N, C-alpha and C. Protein backbone atom coordinates (compact mmCIF):
# COMPACT_ATOMS: atom_id res chain seq x y z
N MET A 1 -30.29 27.94 -31.43
CA MET A 1 -28.64 27.77 -30.34
C MET A 1 -27.94 27.76 -30.19
N PRO A 2 -27.27 28.99 -29.22
CA PRO A 2 -25.15 28.58 -30.55
C PRO A 2 -24.68 28.14 -29.95
N SER A 3 -23.64 27.95 -30.62
CA SER A 3 -22.50 26.81 -30.62
C SER A 3 -21.12 27.45 -30.06
N TYR A 4 -20.53 26.73 -28.67
CA TYR A 4 -19.67 27.18 -27.97
C TYR A 4 -18.16 26.78 -28.35
N ALA A 5 -17.21 27.29 -28.67
CA ALA A 5 -15.96 26.12 -29.03
C ALA A 5 -14.71 26.88 -27.40
N TYR A 6 -14.47 24.71 -27.42
CA TYR A 6 -13.16 25.55 -26.27
C TYR A 6 -12.44 23.63 -26.32
N ARG A 7 -11.66 24.42 -25.47
CA ARG A 7 -10.06 23.12 -25.48
C ARG A 7 -9.72 22.66 -24.39
N CYS A 8 -9.75 21.01 -24.34
CA CYS A 8 -9.18 20.18 -23.14
C CYS A 8 -7.96 20.33 -22.76
N ARG A 9 -7.42 20.32 -21.39
CA ARG A 9 -6.57 21.03 -21.12
C ARG A 9 -5.75 19.87 -20.93
N GLY A 10 -6.50 19.21 -20.47
CA GLY A 10 -5.76 17.53 -19.86
C GLY A 10 -4.75 17.08 -21.79
N CYS A 11 -5.71 17.21 -22.48
CA CYS A 11 -5.32 16.18 -23.97
C CYS A 11 -5.16 17.31 -25.41
N GLY A 12 -5.83 17.93 -24.88
CA GLY A 12 -5.13 19.52 -26.70
C GLY A 12 -6.36 19.55 -26.69
N ASP A 13 -7.82 18.43 -27.40
CA ASP A 13 -8.64 18.75 -28.47
C ASP A 13 -10.14 20.25 -28.60
N THR A 14 -9.91 20.30 -29.67
CA THR A 14 -10.98 21.07 -30.01
C THR A 14 -12.07 21.14 -29.91
N PHE A 15 -13.28 21.19 -29.33
CA PHE A 15 -14.50 20.58 -29.31
C PHE A 15 -15.15 22.22 -29.18
N GLU A 16 -16.11 21.72 -29.51
CA GLU A 16 -17.70 22.44 -29.95
C GLU A 16 -19.25 21.50 -28.93
N LEU A 17 -19.67 22.94 -28.67
CA LEU A 17 -20.97 22.67 -27.75
C LEU A 17 -21.83 23.26 -27.76
N SER A 18 -22.91 23.06 -28.64
CA SER A 18 -23.99 23.98 -28.26
C SER A 18 -24.99 23.18 -27.12
N ARG A 19 -25.25 24.59 -26.81
CA ARG A 19 -26.58 24.76 -25.24
C ARG A 19 -26.89 26.79 -25.40
N PRO A 20 -27.55 26.20 -24.54
CA PRO A 20 -28.46 27.77 -24.91
C PRO A 20 -27.45 28.37 -23.82
N MET A 21 -27.61 30.00 -23.85
CA MET A 21 -27.20 31.01 -24.04
C MET A 21 -27.38 31.46 -22.44
N ALA A 22 -28.21 30.73 -21.52
CA ALA A 22 -28.55 30.31 -20.22
C ALA A 22 -26.67 29.60 -19.65
N GLU A 23 -26.77 28.80 -20.02
CA GLU A 23 -25.86 27.71 -20.35
C GLU A 23 -23.85 28.48 -20.88
N ALA A 24 -24.13 29.55 -20.98
CA ALA A 24 -22.66 29.99 -21.24
C ALA A 24 -21.33 29.55 -20.80
N SER A 25 -21.79 29.76 -19.97
CA SER A 25 -20.73 30.09 -18.69
C SER A 25 -20.78 28.50 -17.91
N ALA A 26 -21.49 27.90 -18.01
CA ALA A 26 -21.73 26.05 -17.61
C ALA A 26 -19.86 25.11 -18.05
N PRO A 27 -19.29 24.43 -17.16
CA PRO A 27 -18.37 23.93 -16.85
C PRO A 27 -18.81 22.90 -18.72
N ALA A 28 -17.30 22.35 -18.45
CA ALA A 28 -17.51 21.27 -20.03
C ALA A 28 -16.77 20.44 -20.00
N THR A 29 -17.51 19.30 -20.47
CA THR A 29 -16.28 18.71 -19.99
C THR A 29 -16.16 17.96 -21.53
N CYS A 30 -14.88 17.64 -22.42
CA CYS A 30 -14.11 17.41 -23.48
C CYS A 30 -14.44 15.70 -23.95
N PRO A 31 -15.13 15.20 -25.02
CA PRO A 31 -15.69 14.10 -25.77
C PRO A 31 -14.57 12.59 -25.47
N GLN A 32 -13.85 13.69 -24.19
CA GLN A 32 -12.33 12.29 -23.85
C GLN A 32 -12.74 12.07 -22.86
N GLY A 33 -13.94 12.42 -21.62
CA GLY A 33 -14.48 13.00 -20.40
C GLY A 33 -13.55 13.74 -18.91
N HIS A 34 -12.36 14.51 -20.05
CA HIS A 34 -12.21 15.53 -19.55
C HIS A 34 -12.51 17.22 -19.11
N ALA A 35 -12.34 17.02 -17.98
CA ALA A 35 -12.68 17.91 -17.14
C ALA A 35 -12.10 19.80 -17.12
N ASP A 36 -11.12 19.36 -17.69
CA ASP A 36 -10.19 20.47 -16.68
C ASP A 36 -10.61 21.18 -18.58
N THR A 37 -12.18 21.67 -18.61
CA THR A 37 -11.67 22.76 -20.32
C THR A 37 -11.63 24.09 -20.32
N VAL A 38 -11.47 24.50 -21.33
CA VAL A 38 -10.69 26.15 -21.57
C VAL A 38 -12.23 27.00 -22.46
N LYS A 39 -13.19 28.43 -22.43
CA LYS A 39 -13.87 28.29 -22.91
C LYS A 39 -12.69 29.40 -24.51
N LEU A 40 -13.44 28.36 -26.10
CA LEU A 40 -11.96 29.65 -26.43
C LEU A 40 -13.38 30.72 -26.62
N LEU A 41 -12.36 32.14 -27.22
CA LEU A 41 -12.78 32.99 -27.79
C LEU A 41 -13.17 33.05 -29.25
N THR A 42 -14.84 33.34 -29.43
CA THR A 42 -14.54 32.71 -31.54
C THR A 42 -15.45 34.61 -32.37
N THR A 43 -15.36 34.20 -33.10
CA THR A 43 -15.60 35.69 -34.16
C THR A 43 -15.72 35.08 -35.35
N PHE A 44 -17.99 35.62 -35.23
CA PHE A 44 -18.86 35.07 -35.70
C PHE A 44 -17.93 36.58 -36.81
N GLY A 45 -19.06 36.30 -38.16
CA GLY A 45 -19.08 37.45 -39.56
C GLY A 45 -19.78 36.84 -40.61
N THR A 46 -20.42 37.94 -40.80
CA THR A 46 -21.90 38.58 -41.57
C THR A 46 -21.51 38.29 -43.20
N VAL A 47 -21.95 38.12 -44.07
CA VAL A 47 -22.29 38.07 -44.96
C VAL A 47 -23.09 38.46 -46.18
N THR A 48 -23.91 40.14 -46.72
CA THR A 48 -24.95 39.94 -47.01
C THR A 48 -24.74 40.80 -48.17
N ARG A 49 -25.05 39.92 -48.98
CA ARG A 49 -25.50 40.13 -50.53
C ARG A 49 -26.11 41.65 -50.51
N GLY A 50 -25.47 42.00 -52.35
CA GLY A 50 -26.34 42.97 -52.30
C GLY A 50 -27.26 43.58 -52.44
N GLY A 51 -27.30 44.54 -53.31
CA GLY A 51 -29.53 44.68 -53.73
C GLY A 51 -30.07 46.06 -53.15
N GLY A 52 -29.91 45.11 -51.65
CA GLY A 52 -31.07 46.90 -50.53
C GLY A 52 -31.06 48.61 -51.05
N GLY A 53 -29.43 48.37 -51.33
CA GLY A 53 -28.74 49.23 -51.34
C GLY A 53 -29.22 50.56 -50.18
N SER A 54 -29.33 50.06 -48.86
CA SER A 54 -29.35 50.78 -47.45
C SER A 54 -27.81 50.59 -46.86
N ALA A 55 -26.99 49.74 -46.77
CA ALA A 55 -25.74 49.27 -46.85
C ALA A 55 -24.93 51.23 -46.59
N PRO A 56 -24.19 51.55 -45.97
CA PRO A 56 -23.51 52.70 -45.35
C PRO A 56 -21.94 52.24 -47.16
N ALA A 57 -21.38 52.81 -48.39
CA ALA A 57 -20.67 53.08 -49.08
C ALA A 57 -19.75 52.52 -47.68
N ALA A 58 -18.14 51.70 -48.53
CA ALA A 58 -17.59 51.22 -48.44
C ALA A 58 -16.04 52.48 -48.19
N ARG A 59 -15.75 53.11 -47.06
CA ARG A 59 -14.78 53.66 -46.69
C ARG A 59 -13.25 53.17 -47.79
N PRO A 60 -12.52 54.34 -48.13
CA PRO A 60 -10.94 53.28 -49.20
C PRO A 60 -9.86 53.30 -47.86
N ALA A 61 -9.35 52.37 -47.70
CA ALA A 61 -8.69 52.17 -46.63
C ALA A 61 -7.29 53.63 -46.83
N PRO A 62 -7.19 53.90 -45.22
CA PRO A 62 -6.49 55.77 -45.26
C PRO A 62 -5.37 54.62 -45.79
N SER A 63 -4.31 56.47 -46.84
CA SER A 63 -2.66 55.51 -47.59
C SER A 63 -1.84 56.05 -47.26
N GLY A 64 -0.22 56.12 -47.10
CA GLY A 64 0.48 57.67 -46.89
C GLY A 64 1.10 56.32 -45.59
N GLY A 65 2.78 57.57 -45.67
CA GLY A 65 3.43 55.87 -45.01
C GLY A 65 3.71 57.32 -43.57
N GLY A 66 4.76 56.38 -43.53
CA GLY A 66 5.85 57.40 -43.13
C GLY A 66 5.56 57.39 -41.55
N CYS A 67 5.70 56.97 -39.96
CA CYS A 67 5.43 57.45 -38.81
C CYS A 67 4.57 57.92 -37.89
N CYS A 68 4.52 59.39 -39.08
CA CYS A 68 2.75 59.58 -38.52
C CYS A 68 1.48 59.47 -39.39
N GLY A 69 1.67 58.83 -40.41
CA GLY A 69 0.75 58.26 -41.61
C GLY A 69 0.68 58.42 -42.49
N GLY A 70 1.29 59.92 -42.45
CA GLY A 70 0.55 61.12 -43.53
C GLY A 70 2.08 61.17 -44.61
N GLY A 71 3.05 60.91 -44.35
CA GLY A 71 4.78 60.71 -45.19
C GLY A 71 5.08 62.02 -44.55
N HIS A 72 4.59 63.20 -43.86
CA HIS A 72 5.08 64.13 -44.00
C HIS A 72 6.55 64.50 -42.79
N CYS A 73 6.91 62.89 -42.06
CA CYS A 73 8.13 63.12 -40.96
C CYS A 73 9.36 64.06 -41.22
N GLY A 74 10.41 63.97 -40.40
CA GLY A 74 11.35 63.69 -40.67
C GLY A 74 11.96 65.37 -41.16
């Protein structure tokens, strides 16, 4: 079951609730009993461990400088 993070506008507390996806947009009450809460945007990352060889090779970060990224401005 997914967890959703919330912040209470009344007391400023941040808390998480585990609930079904069907209830993701349902109102949440903070642990102190306040009903004025807002759902927070959270990020989720995964880490894979090597081995399979099916993942694409990482590309190097672009290099260069200047105003257009190639260093040929001016």
